[in-house]
Amino acid sequence: TLSKLLGERVDAEMAKEIKATITGFPEIRGAYDLVLHDYGPDS
């Protein structure tokens, strides 16, 4: 729980899915520097 309060690396599969969604736009060649801040479960 302390580790989650301190802030953990985002789940790799989740990051991969978000980047895939973004690069699905034809004009976008890459998605980088994805930073997610956790403000509670699934938020």
PDB file of all heavy atoms in Angstrom:
ATOM      1  N   THR A   1       0.832  -1.207   0.000  1.00  0.00           N
ATOM      2  CA  THR A   1       0.000   0.000   0.000  1.00  0.00           C
ATOM      3  C   THR A   1       0.864   1.253   0.000  1.00  0.00           C
ATOM      4  O   THR A   1       0.553   2.235  -0.686  1.00  0.00           O
ATOM      5  CB  THR A   1      -0.941   0.007   1.219  1.00  0.00           C
ATOM      6  OG1 THR A   1      -1.664  -1.224   1.271  1.00  0.00           O
ATOM      7  CG2 THR A   1      -1.942   1.149   1.117  1.00  0.00           C
ATOM      8  N   LEU A   2       1.952   1.245   0.768  1.00  0.00           N
ATOM      9  CA  LEU A   2       2.870   2.388   0.782  1.00  0.00           C
ATOM     10  C   LEU A   2       3.446   2.641  -0.606  1.00  0.00           C
ATOM     11  O   LEU A   2       3.592   3.789  -1.040  1.00  0.00           O
ATOM     12  CB  LEU A   2       4.012   2.130   1.770  1.00  0.00           C
ATOM     13  CG  LEU A   2       3.826   2.619   3.204  1.00  0.00           C
ATOM     14  CD1 LEU A   2       5.016   2.203   4.055  1.00  0.00           C
ATOM     15  CD2 LEU A   2       3.634   4.125   3.253  1.00  0.00           C
ATOM     16  N   SER A   3       3.770   1.554  -1.306  1.00  0.00           N
ATOM     17  CA  SER A   3       4.323   1.674  -2.645  1.00  0.00           C
ATOM     18  C   SER A   3       3.343   2.385  -3.573  1.00  0.00           C
ATOM     19  O   SER A   3       3.737   3.236  -4.381  1.00  0.00           O
ATOM     20  CB  SER A   3       4.657   0.278  -3.194  1.00  0.00           C
ATOM     21  OG  SER A   3       5.187   0.366  -4.496  1.00  0.00           O
ATOM     22  N   LYS A   4       2.053   2.065  -3.435  1.00  0.00           N
ATOM     23  CA  LYS A   4       1.044   2.719  -4.278  1.00  0.00           C
ATOM     24  C   LYS A   4       0.859   4.184  -3.910  1.00  0.00           C
ATOM     25  O   LYS A   4       0.638   5.028  -4.776  1.00  0.00           O
ATOM     26  CB  LYS A   4      -0.277   1.967  -4.178  1.00  0.00           C
ATOM     27  CG  LYS A   4      -0.229   0.593  -4.836  1.00  0.00           C
ATOM     28  CD  LYS A   4      -1.578  -0.086  -4.865  1.00  0.00           C
ATOM     29  CE  LYS A   4      -1.471  -1.420  -5.604  1.00  0.00           C
ATOM     30  NZ  LYS A   4      -2.764  -2.116  -5.703  1.00  0.00           N
ATOM     31  N   LEU A   5       0.956   4.482  -2.620  1.00  0.00           N
ATOM     32  CA  LEU A   5       0.847   5.877  -2.184  1.00  0.00           C
ATOM     33  C   LEU A   5       2.028   6.703  -2.692  1.00  0.00           C
ATOM     34  O   LEU A   5       1.873   7.877  -3.046  1.00  0.00           O
ATOM     35  CB  LEU A   5       0.781   5.950  -0.659  1.00  0.00           C
ATOM     36  CG  LEU A   5      -0.562   5.555  -0.017  1.00  0.00           C
ATOM     37  CD1 LEU A   5      -0.414   5.444   1.492  1.00  0.00           C
ATOM     38  CD2 LEU A   5      -1.646   6.577  -0.361  1.00  0.00           C
ATOM     39  N   LEU A   6       3.204   6.094  -2.727  1.00  0.00           N
ATOM     40  CA  LEU A   6       4.390   6.799  -3.224  1.00  0.00           C
ATOM     41  C   LEU A   6       4.304   7.041  -4.730  1.00  0.00           C
ATOM     42  O   LEU A   6       4.822   8.028  -5.240  1.00  0.00           O
ATOM     43  CB  LEU A   6       5.653   5.991  -2.903  1.00  0.00           C
ATOM     44  CG  LEU A   6       6.101   5.994  -1.437  1.00  0.00           C
ATOM     45  CD1 LEU A   6       7.230   4.996  -1.232  1.00  0.00           C
ATOM     46  CD2 LEU A   6       6.541   7.390  -1.025  1.00  0.00           C
ATOM     47  N   GLY A   7       3.632   6.128  -5.434  1.00  0.00           N
ATOM     48  CA  GLY A   7       3.512   6.250  -6.895  1.00  0.00           C
ATOM     49  C   GLY A   7       4.328   5.199  -7.600  1.00  0.00           C
ATOM     50  O   GLY A   7       5.548   5.157  -7.465  1.00  0.00           O
ATOM     51  N   GLU A   8       3.647   4.308  -8.328  1.00  0.00           N
ATOM     52  CA  GLU A   8       4.313   3.224  -9.032  1.00  0.00           C
ATOM     53  C   GLU A   8       4.267   3.441 -10.538  1.00  0.00           C
ATOM     54  O   GLU A   8       3.463   4.229 -11.055  1.00  0.00           O
ATOM     55  CB  GLU A   8       3.634   1.885  -8.710  1.00  0.00           C
ATOM     56  CG  GLU A   8       3.735   1.470  -7.258  1.00  0.00           C
ATOM     57  CD  GLU A   8       3.036   0.152  -6.985  1.00  0.00           C
ATOM     58  OE1 GLU A   8       2.075  -0.185  -7.712  1.00  0.00           O
ATOM     59  OE2 GLU A   8       3.450  -0.550  -6.054  1.00  0.00           O
ATOM     60  N   ARG A   9       5.150   2.720 -11.227  1.00  0.00           N
ATOM     61  CA  ARG A   9       5.125   2.736 -12.687  1.00  0.00           C
ATOM     62  C   ARG A   9       3.771   2.207 -13.168  1.00  0.00           C
ATOM     63  O   ARG A   9       3.223   1.245 -12.625  1.00  0.00           O
ATOM     64  CB  ARG A   9       6.245   1.840 -13.219  1.00  0.00           C
ATOM     65  CG  ARG A   9       6.262   1.703 -14.748  1.00  0.00           C
ATOM     66  CD  ARG A   9       7.144   0.534 -15.139  1.00  0.00           C
ATOM     67  NE  ARG A   9       8.526   0.754 -14.740  1.00  0.00           N
ATOM     68  CZ  ARG A   9       9.416   1.380 -15.515  1.00  0.00           C
ATOM     69  NH1 ARG A   9       9.069   1.811 -16.709  1.00  0.00           N
ATOM     70  NH2 ARG A   9      10.640   1.537 -15.102  1.00  0.00           N
ATOM     71  N   VAL A  10       3.238   2.849 -14.200  1.00  0.00           N
ATOM     72  CA  VAL A  10       1.950   2.410 -14.739  1.00  0.00           C
ATOM     73  C   VAL A  10       2.080   1.006 -15.317  1.00  0.00           C
ATOM     74  O   VAL A  10       3.149   0.612 -15.795  1.00  0.00           O
ATOM     75  CB  VAL A  10       1.468   3.397 -15.821  1.00  0.00           C
ATOM     76  CG1 VAL A  10       2.389   3.395 -17.026  1.00  0.00           C
ATOM     77  CG2 VAL A  10       0.040   3.081 -16.259  1.00  0.00           C
ATOM     78  N   ASP A  11       1.010   0.237 -15.236  1.00  0.00           N
ATOM     79  CA  ASP A  11       1.010  -1.118 -15.769  1.00  0.00           C
ATOM     80  C   ASP A  11       1.429  -1.106 -17.239  1.00  0.00           C
ATOM     81  O   ASP A  11       0.901  -0.340 -18.044  1.00  0.00           O
ATOM     82  CB  ASP A  11      -0.400  -1.716 -15.638  1.00  0.00           C
ATOM     83  CG  ASP A  11      -0.504  -3.105 -16.231  1.00  0.00           C
ATOM     84  OD1 ASP A  11       0.097  -4.028 -15.680  1.00  0.00           O
ATOM     85  OD2 ASP A  11      -1.170  -3.237 -17.282  1.00  0.00           O
ATOM     86  N   ALA A  12       2.375  -1.975 -17.585  1.00  0.00           N
ATOM     87  CA  ALA A  12       2.950  -1.978 -18.943  1.00  0.00           C
ATOM     88  C   ALA A  12       1.896  -2.251 -20.007  1.00  0.00           C
ATOM     89  O   ALA A  12       1.900  -1.630 -21.080  1.00  0.00           O
ATOM     90  CB  ALA A  12       4.060  -3.026 -19.018  1.00  0.00           C
ATOM     91  N   GLU A  13       0.990  -3.165 -19.726  1.00  0.00           N
ATOM     92  CA  GLU A  13      -0.047  -3.507 -20.709  1.00  0.00           C
ATOM     93  C   GLU A  13      -0.994  -2.332 -20.933  1.00  0.00           C
ATOM     94  O   GLU A  13      -1.411  -2.050 -22.060  1.00  0.00           O
ATOM     95  CB  GLU A  13      -0.829  -4.731 -20.215  1.00  0.00           C
ATOM     96  CG  GLU A  13      -1.745  -5.345 -21.269  1.00  0.00           C
ATOM     97  CD  GLU A  13      -1.003  -5.825 -22.509  1.00  0.00           C
ATOM     98  OE1 GLU A  13       0.151  -6.276 -22.382  1.00  0.00           O
ATOM     99  OE2 GLU A  13      -1.588  -5.732 -23.610  1.00  0.00           O
ATOM    100  N   MET A  14      -1.319  -1.637 -19.847  1.00  0.00           N
ATOM    101  CA  MET A  14      -2.187  -0.464 -19.949  1.00  0.00           C
ATOM    102  C   MET A  14      -1.527   0.632 -20.780  1.00  0.00           C
ATOM    103  O   MET A  14      -2.151   1.250 -21.650  1.00  0.00           O
ATOM    104  CB  MET A  14      -2.522   0.054 -18.553  1.00  0.00           C
ATOM    105  CG  MET A  14      -3.434   1.265 -18.539  1.00  0.00           C
ATOM    106  SD  MET A  14      -3.724   1.844 -16.860  1.00  0.00           S
ATOM    107  CE  MET A  14      -4.869   3.199 -17.168  1.00  0.00           C
ATOM    108  N   ALA A  15      -0.238   0.889 -20.515  1.00  0.00           N
ATOM    109  CA  ALA A  15       0.508   1.894 -21.270  1.00  0.00           C
ATOM    110  C   ALA A  15       0.551   1.533 -22.752  1.00  0.00           C
ATOM    111  O   ALA A  15       0.381   2.391 -23.630  1.00  0.00           O
ATOM    112  CB  ALA A  15       1.925   2.034 -20.723  1.00  0.00           C
ATOM    113  N   LYS A  16       0.769   0.252 -23.031  1.00  0.00           N
ATOM    114  CA  LYS A  16       0.835  -0.224 -24.413  1.00  0.00           C
ATOM    115  C   LYS A  16      -0.495   0.000 -25.134  1.00  0.00           C
ATOM    116  O   LYS A  16      -0.533   0.436 -26.286  1.00  0.00           O
ATOM    117  CB  LYS A  16       1.198  -1.711 -24.413  1.00  0.00           C
ATOM    118  CG  LYS A  16       1.388  -2.313 -25.791  1.00  0.00           C
ATOM    119  CD  LYS A  16       1.784  -3.778 -25.669  1.00  0.00           C
ATOM    120  CE  LYS A  16       1.929  -4.419 -27.053  1.00  0.00           C
ATOM    121  NZ  LYS A  16       2.273  -5.858 -26.937  1.00  0.00           N
ATOM    122  N   GLU A  17      -1.598  -0.279 -24.428  1.00  0.00           N
ATOM    123  CA  GLU A  17      -2.925  -0.111 -25.035  1.00  0.00           C
ATOM    124  C   GLU A  17      -3.232   1.358 -25.312  1.00  0.00           C
ATOM    125  O   GLU A  17      -3.794   1.693 -26.360  1.00  0.00           O
ATOM    126  CB  GLU A  17      -3.982  -0.715 -24.105  1.00  0.00           C
ATOM    127  CG  GLU A  17      -3.939  -2.235 -24.039  1.00  0.00           C
ATOM    128  CD  GLU A  17      -4.878  -2.795 -22.975  1.00  0.00           C
ATOM    129  OE1 GLU A  17      -5.555  -1.983 -22.302  1.00  0.00           O
ATOM    130  OE2 GLU A  17      -4.925  -4.034 -22.817  1.00  0.00           O
ATOM    131  N   ILE A  18      -2.869   2.231 -24.370  1.00  0.00           N
ATOM    132  CA  ILE A  18      -3.124   3.663 -24.566  1.00  0.00           C
ATOM    133  C   ILE A  18      -2.312   4.195 -25.738  1.00  0.00           C
ATOM    134  O   ILE A  18      -2.822   4.944 -26.586  1.00  0.00           O
ATOM    135  CB  ILE A  18      -2.798   4.449 -23.276  1.00  0.00           C
ATOM    136  CG1 ILE A  18      -3.796   4.081 -22.180  1.00  0.00           C
ATOM    137  CG2 ILE A  18      -2.832   5.961 -23.533  1.00  0.00           C
ATOM    138  CD1 ILE A  18      -3.455   4.669 -20.817  1.00  0.00           C
ATOM    139  N   LYS A  19      -1.040   3.800 -25.804  1.00  0.00           N
ATOM    140  CA  LYS A  19      -0.193   4.251 -26.915  1.00  0.00           C
ATOM    141  C   LYS A  19      -0.713   3.726 -28.259  1.00  0.00           C
ATOM    142  O   LYS A  19      -0.660   4.417 -29.279  1.00  0.00           O
ATOM    143  CB  LYS A  19       1.251   3.808 -26.697  1.00  0.00           C
ATOM    144  CG  LYS A  19       1.950   4.556 -25.568  1.00  0.00           C
ATOM    145  CD  LYS A  19       3.367   4.045 -25.347  1.00  0.00           C
ATOM    146  CE  LYS A  19       4.060   4.776 -24.216  1.00  0.00           C
ATOM    147  NZ  LYS A  19       5.435   4.277 -23.977  1.00  0.00           N
ATOM    148  N   ALA A  20      -1.229   2.487 -28.248  1.00  0.00           N
ATOM    149  CA  ALA A  20      -1.784   1.913 -29.479  1.00  0.00           C
ATOM    150  C   ALA A  20      -3.012   2.694 -29.936  1.00  0.00           C
ATOM    151  O   ALA A  20      -3.211   2.925 -31.137  1.00  0.00           O
ATOM    152  CB  ALA A  20      -2.145   0.448 -29.256  1.00  0.00           C
ATOM    153  N   THR A  21      -3.827   3.125 -28.974  1.00  0.00           N
ATOM    154  CA  THR A  21      -5.005   3.937 -29.302  1.00  0.00           C
ATOM    155  C   THR A  21      -4.577   5.255 -29.931  1.00  0.00           C
ATOM    156  O   THR A  21      -5.152   5.693 -30.932  1.00  0.00           O
ATOM    157  CB  THR A  21      -5.841   4.206 -28.034  1.00  0.00           C
ATOM    158  OG1 THR A  21      -6.343   2.969 -27.520  1.00  0.00           O
ATOM    159  CG2 THR A  21      -7.016   5.133 -28.337  1.00  0.00           C
ATOM    160  N   ILE A  22      -3.555   5.882 -29.357  1.00  0.00           N
ATOM    161  CA  ILE A  22      -3.103   7.188 -29.859  1.00  0.00           C
ATOM    162  C   ILE A  22      -2.480   7.068 -31.248  1.00  0.00           C
ATOM    163  O   ILE A  22      -2.778   7.861 -32.147  1.00  0.00           O
ATOM    164  CB  ILE A  22      -2.091   7.808 -28.864  1.00  0.00           C
ATOM    165  CG1 ILE A  22      -2.790   8.123 -27.541  1.00  0.00           C
ATOM    166  CG2 ILE A  22      -1.469   9.084 -29.444  1.00  0.00           C
ATOM    167  CD1 ILE A  22      -1.847   8.532 -26.423  1.00  0.00           C
ATOM    168  N   THR A  23      -1.622   6.070 -31.420  1.00  0.00           N
ATOM    169  CA  THR A  23      -0.969   5.905 -32.723  1.00  0.00           C
ATOM    170  C   THR A  23      -1.920   5.331 -33.779  1.00  0.00           C
ATOM    171  O   THR A  23      -1.551   5.181 -34.936  1.00  0.00           O
ATOM    172  CB  THR A  23       0.268   4.986 -32.609  1.00  0.00           C
ATOM    173  OG1 THR A  23      -0.096   3.754 -31.974  1.00  0.00           O
ATOM    174  CG2 THR A  23       1.361   5.663 -31.798  1.00  0.00           C
ATOM    175  N   GLY A  24      -3.146   5.026 -33.360  1.00  0.00           N
ATOM    176  CA  GLY A  24      -4.164   4.590 -34.328  1.00  0.00           C
ATOM    177  C   GLY A  24      -4.630   5.724 -35.214  1.00  0.00           C
ATOM    178  O   GLY A  24      -5.223   5.485 -36.281  1.00  0.00           O
ATOM    179  N   PHE A  25      -4.366   6.962 -34.800  1.00  0.00           N
ATOM    180  CA  PHE A  25      -4.683   8.114 -35.654  1.00  0.00           C
ATOM    181  C   PHE A  25      -3.648   8.173 -36.790  1.00  0.00           C
ATOM    182  O   PHE A  25      -2.439   8.129 -36.522  1.00  0.00           O
ATOM    183  CB  PHE A  25      -4.644   9.409 -34.839  1.00  0.00           C
ATOM    184  CG  PHE A  25      -5.795   9.568 -33.891  1.00  0.00           C
ATOM    185  CD1 PHE A  25      -5.790   8.946 -32.650  1.00  0.00           C
ATOM    186  CD2 PHE A  25      -6.910  10.329 -34.246  1.00  0.00           C
ATOM    187  CE1 PHE A  25      -6.849   9.071 -31.775  1.00  0.00           C
ATOM    188  CE2 PHE A  25      -7.974  10.469 -33.380  1.00  0.00           C
ATOM    189  CZ  PHE A  25      -7.956   9.842 -32.140  1.00  0.00           C
ATOM    190  N   PRO A  26      -4.088   8.269 -38.034  1.00  0.00           N
ATOM    191  CA  PRO A  26      -3.158   8.180 -39.173  1.00  0.00           C
ATOM    192  C   PRO A  26      -2.048   9.223 -39.176  1.00  0.00           C
ATOM    193  O   PRO A  26      -0.949   8.977 -39.664  1.00  0.00           O
ATOM    194  CB  PRO A  26      -4.083   8.333 -40.384  1.00  0.00           C
ATOM    195  CG  PRO A  26      -5.347   8.933 -39.863  1.00  0.00           C
ATOM    196  CD  PRO A  26      -5.484   8.446 -38.467  1.00  0.00           C
ATOM    197  N   GLU A  27      -2.310  10.411 -38.609  1.00  0.00           N
ATOM    198  CA  GLU A  27      -1.300  11.475 -38.651  1.00  0.00           C
ATOM    199  C   GLU A  27      -0.240  11.312 -37.560  1.00  0.00           C
ATOM    200  O   GLU A  27       0.797  11.980 -37.600  1.00  0.00           O
ATOM    201  CB  GLU A  27      -1.970  12.852 -38.483  1.00  0.00           C
ATOM    202  CG  GLU A  27      -3.057  13.155 -39.500  1.00  0.00           C
ATOM    203  CD  GLU A  27      -4.438  12.756 -38.980  1.00  0.00           C
ATOM    204  OE1 GLU A  27      -4.499  11.908 -38.050  1.00  0.00           O
ATOM    205  OE2 GLU A  27      -5.443  13.264 -39.499  1.00  0.00           O
ATOM    206  N   ILE A  28      -0.486  10.435 -36.575  1.00  0.00           N
ATOM    207  CA  ILE A  28       0.424  10.315 -35.441  1.00  0.00           C
ATOM    208  C   ILE A  28       1.365   9.131 -35.655  1.00  0.00           C
ATOM    209  O   ILE A  28       0.930   7.992 -35.765  1.00  0.00           O
ATOM    210  CB  ILE A  28      -0.359  10.137 -34.121  1.00  0.00           C
ATOM    211  CG1 ILE A  28      -1.252  11.364 -33.882  1.00  0.00           C
ATOM    212  CG2 ILE A  28       0.597   9.947 -32.942  1.00  0.00           C
ATOM    213  CD1 ILE A  28      -2.139  11.250 -32.656  1.00  0.00           C
ATOM    214  N   ARG A  29       2.666   9.412 -35.703  1.00  0.00           N
ATOM    215  CA  ARG A  29       3.653   8.363 -35.945  1.00  0.00           C
ATOM    216  C   ARG A  29       4.120   7.687 -34.665  1.00  0.00           C
ATOM    217  O   ARG A  29       4.530   6.528 -34.670  1.00  0.00           O
ATOM    218  CB  ARG A  29       4.870   8.942 -36.686  1.00  0.00           C
ATOM    219  CG  ARG A  29       5.875   7.875 -37.111  1.00  0.00           C
ATOM    220  CD  ARG A  29       6.905   8.396 -38.069  1.00  0.00           C
ATOM    221  NE  ARG A  29       7.894   9.260 -37.432  1.00  0.00           N
ATOM    222  CZ  ARG A  29       8.973   9.740 -38.054  1.00  0.00           C
ATOM    223  NH1 ARG A  29       9.171   9.454 -39.346  1.00  0.00           N
ATOM    224  NH2 ARG A  29       9.822  10.526 -37.425  1.00  0.00           N
ATOM    225  N   GLY A  30       4.055   8.397 -33.556  1.00  0.00           N
ATOM    226  CA  GLY A  30       4.511   7.799 -32.298  1.00  0.00           C
ATOM    227  C   GLY A  30       3.894   8.481 -31.095  1.00  0.00           C
ATOM    228  O   GLY A  30       3.488   9.648 -31.159  1.00  0.00           O
ATOM    229  N   ALA A  31       3.814   7.751 -29.982  1.00  0.00           N
ATOM    230  CA  ALA A  31       3.339   8.298 -28.710  1.00  0.00           C
ATOM    231  C   ALA A  31       4.410   8.017 -27.661  1.00  0.00           C
ATOM    232  O   ALA A  31       4.826   6.865 -27.476  1.00  0.00           O
ATOM    233  CB  ALA A  31       2.016   7.656 -28.314  1.00  0.00           C
ATOM    234  N   TYR A  32       4.873   9.067 -26.968  1.00  0.00           N
ATOM    235  CA  TYR A  32       6.005   8.928 -26.053  1.00  0.00           C
ATOM    236  C   TYR A  32       5.742   9.667 -24.736  1.00  0.00           C
ATOM    237  O   TYR A  32       4.810  10.471 -24.635  1.00  0.00           O
ATOM    238  CB  TYR A  32       7.278   9.491 -26.695  1.00  0.00           C
ATOM    239  CG  TYR A  32       7.551   8.940 -28.070  1.00  0.00           C
ATOM    240  CD1 TYR A  32       7.255   9.692 -29.207  1.00  0.00           C
ATOM    241  CD2 TYR A  32       8.095   7.672 -28.251  1.00  0.00           C
ATOM    242  CE1 TYR A  32       7.501   9.191 -30.483  1.00  0.00           C
ATOM    243  CE2 TYR A  32       8.343   7.163 -29.509  1.00  0.00           C
ATOM    244  CZ  TYR A  32       8.040   7.924 -30.628  1.00  0.00           C
ATOM    245  OH  TYR A  32       8.275   7.421 -31.881  1.00  0.00           O
ATOM    246  N   ASP A  33       6.609   9.394 -23.766  1.00  0.00           N
ATOM    247  CA  ASP A  33       6.585  10.119 -22.492  1.00  0.00           C
ATOM    248  C   ASP A  33       5.215  10.051 -21.815  1.00  0.00           C
ATOM    249  O   ASP A  33       4.743  11.045 -21.245  1.00  0.00           O
ATOM    250  CB  ASP A  33       6.989  11.588 -22.682  1.00  0.00           C
ATOM    251  CG  ASP A  33       8.282  11.745 -23.461  1.00  0.00           C
ATOM    252  OD1 ASP A  33       9.159  10.889 -23.302  1.00  0.00           O
ATOM    253  OD2 ASP A  33       8.401  12.716 -24.231  1.00  0.00           O
ATOM    254  N   LEU A  34       4.579   8.902 -21.880  1.00  0.00           N
ATOM    255  CA  LEU A  34       3.281   8.750 -21.222  1.00  0.00           C
ATOM    256  C   LEU A  34       3.482   8.746 -19.707  1.00  0.00           C
ATOM    257  O   LEU A  34       4.180   7.891 -19.163  1.00  0.00           O
ATOM    258  CB  LEU A  34       2.607   7.451 -21.666  1.00  0.00           C
ATOM    259  CG  LEU A  34       1.265   7.129 -20.999  1.00  0.00           C
ATOM    260  CD1 LEU A  34       0.215   8.167 -21.371  1.00  0.00           C
ATOM    261  CD2 LEU A  34       0.787   5.734 -21.386  1.00  0.00           C
ATOM    262  N   VAL A  35       2.880   9.720 -19.042  1.00  0.00           N
ATOM    263  CA  VAL A  35       2.965   9.834 -17.584  1.00  0.00           C
ATOM    264  C   VAL A  35       1.551   9.795 -17.026  1.00  0.00           C
ATOM    265  O   VAL A  35       0.709  10.610 -17.398  1.00  0.00           O
ATOM    266  CB  VAL A  35       3.657  11.141 -17.153  1.00  0.00           C
ATOM    267  CG1 VAL A  35       3.726  11.229 -15.631  1.00  0.00           C
ATOM    268  CG2 VAL A  35       5.055  11.236 -17.752  1.00  0.00           C
ATOM    269  N   LEU A  36       1.275   8.840 -16.139  1.00  0.00           N
ATOM    270  CA  LEU A  36      -0.058   8.722 -15.538  1.00  0.00           C
ATOM    271  C   LEU A  36       0.053   8.872 -14.022  1.00  0.00           C
ATOM    272  O   LEU A  36       0.902   8.255 -13.391  1.00  0.00           O
ATOM    273  CB  LEU A  36      -0.679   7.365 -15.876  1.00  0.00           C
ATOM    274  CG  LEU A  36      -0.966   7.088 -17.354  1.00  0.00           C
ATOM    275  CD1 LEU A  36      -1.618   5.730 -17.521  1.00  0.00           C
ATOM    276  CD2 LEU A  36      -1.845   8.170 -17.956  1.00  0.00           C
ATOM    277  N   HIS A  37      -0.822   9.699 -13.462  1.00  0.00           N
ATOM    278  CA  HIS A  37      -0.875   9.906 -12.018  1.00  0.00           C
ATOM    279  C   HIS A  37      -2.139   9.230 -11.486  1.00  0.00           C
ATOM    280  O   HIS A  37      -3.239   9.489 -11.963  1.00  0.00           O
ATOM    281  CB  HIS A  37      -0.893  11.401 -11.686  1.00  0.00           C
ATOM    282  CG  HIS A  37       0.317  12.129 -12.179  1.00  0.00           C
ATOM    283  ND1 HIS A  37       1.554  12.021 -11.583  1.00  0.00           N
ATOM    284  CD2 HIS A  37       0.481  12.973 -13.239  1.00  0.00           C
ATOM    285  CE1 HIS A  37       2.435  12.769 -12.240  1.00  0.00           C
ATOM    286  NE2 HIS A  37       1.810  13.344 -13.249  1.00  0.00           N
ATOM    287  N   ASP A  38      -1.942   8.375 -10.508  1.00  0.00           N
ATOM    288  CA  ASP A  38      -3.017   7.579  -9.936  1.00  0.00           C
ATOM    289  C   ASP A  38      -3.671   8.364  -8.796  1.00  0.00           C
ATOM    290  O   ASP A  38      -3.033   8.646  -7.787  1.00  0.00           O
ATOM    291  CB  ASP A  38      -2.407   6.263  -9.424  1.00  0.00           C
ATOM    292  CG  ASP A  38      -3.419   5.359  -8.784  1.00  0.00           C
ATOM    293  OD1 ASP A  38      -4.574   5.774  -8.636  1.00  0.00           O
ATOM    294  OD2 ASP A  38      -3.056   4.227  -8.421  1.00  0.00           O
ATOM    295  N   TYR A  39      -4.962   8.692  -8.957  1.00  0.00           N
ATOM    296  CA  TYR A  39      -5.705   9.390  -7.900  1.00  0.00           C
ATOM    297  C   TYR A  39      -6.770   8.488  -7.285  1.00  0.00           C
ATOM    298  O   TYR A  39      -7.860   8.924  -6.949  1.00  0.00           O
ATOM    299  CB  TYR A  39      -6.326  10.673  -8.451  1.00  0.00           C
ATOM    300  CG  TYR A  39      -5.285  11.719  -8.751  1.00  0.00           C
ATOM    301  CD1 TYR A  39      -4.796  11.895 -10.045  1.00  0.00           C
ATOM    302  CD2 TYR A  39      -4.755  12.511  -7.737  1.00  0.00           C
ATOM    303  CE1 TYR A  39      -3.809  12.830 -10.314  1.00  0.00           C
ATOM    304  CE2 TYR A  39      -3.770  13.446  -8.000  1.00  0.00           C
ATOM    305  CZ  TYR A  39      -3.308  13.608  -9.295  1.00  0.00           C
ATOM    306  OH  TYR A  39      -2.332  14.532  -9.554  1.00  0.00           O
ATOM    307  N   GLY A  40      -6.424   7.217  -7.167  1.00  0.00           N
ATOM    308  CA  GLY A  40      -7.348   6.228  -6.650  1.00  0.00           C
ATOM    309  C   GLY A  40      -7.451   5.098  -7.653  1.00  0.00           C
ATOM    310  O   GLY A  40      -7.013   5.231  -8.803  1.00  0.00           O
ATOM    311  N   PRO A  41      -8.018   3.951  -7.255  1.00  0.00           N
ATOM    312  CA  PRO A  41      -8.153   2.820  -8.179  1.00  0.00           C
ATOM    313  C   PRO A  41      -8.911   3.206  -9.446  1.00  0.00           C
ATOM    314  O   PRO A  41      -9.992   3.783  -9.385  1.00  0.00           O
ATOM    315  CB  PRO A  41      -8.951   1.796  -7.356  1.00  0.00           C
ATOM    316  CG  PRO A  41      -8.667   2.147  -5.935  1.00  0.00           C
ATOM    317  CD  PRO A  41      -8.527   3.628  -5.903  1.00  0.00           C
ATOM    318  N   ASP A  42      -8.318   2.903 -10.596  1.00  0.00           N
ATOM    319  CA  ASP A  42      -8.940   3.163 -11.907  1.00  0.00           C
ATOM    320  C   ASP A  42      -9.223   4.635 -12.148  1.00  0.00           C
ATOM    321  O   ASP A  42     -10.151   4.985 -12.888  1.00  0.00           O
ATOM    322  CB  ASP A  42     -10.244   2.357 -12.064  1.00  0.00           C
ATOM    323  CG  ASP A  42     -10.014   0.869 -11.949  1.00  0.00           C
ATOM    324  OD1 ASP A  42      -8.935   0.409 -12.376  1.00  0.00           O
ATOM    325  OD2 ASP A  42     -10.886   0.166 -11.424  1.00  0.00           O
ATOM    326  N   SER A  43      -8.457   5.524 -11.512  1.00  0.00           N
ATOM    327  CA  SER A  43      -8.658   6.962 -11.716  1.00  0.00           C
ATOM    328  C   SER A  43      -7.308   7.587 -12.062  1.00  0.00           C
ATOM    329  O   SER A  43      -6.452   7.776 -11.194  1.00  0.00           O
ATOM    330  CB  SER A  43      -9.229   7.599 -10.443  1.00  0.00           C
ATOM    331  OG  SER A  43      -9.386   8.993 -10.608  1.00  0.00           O
TER     332      SER A  43
END
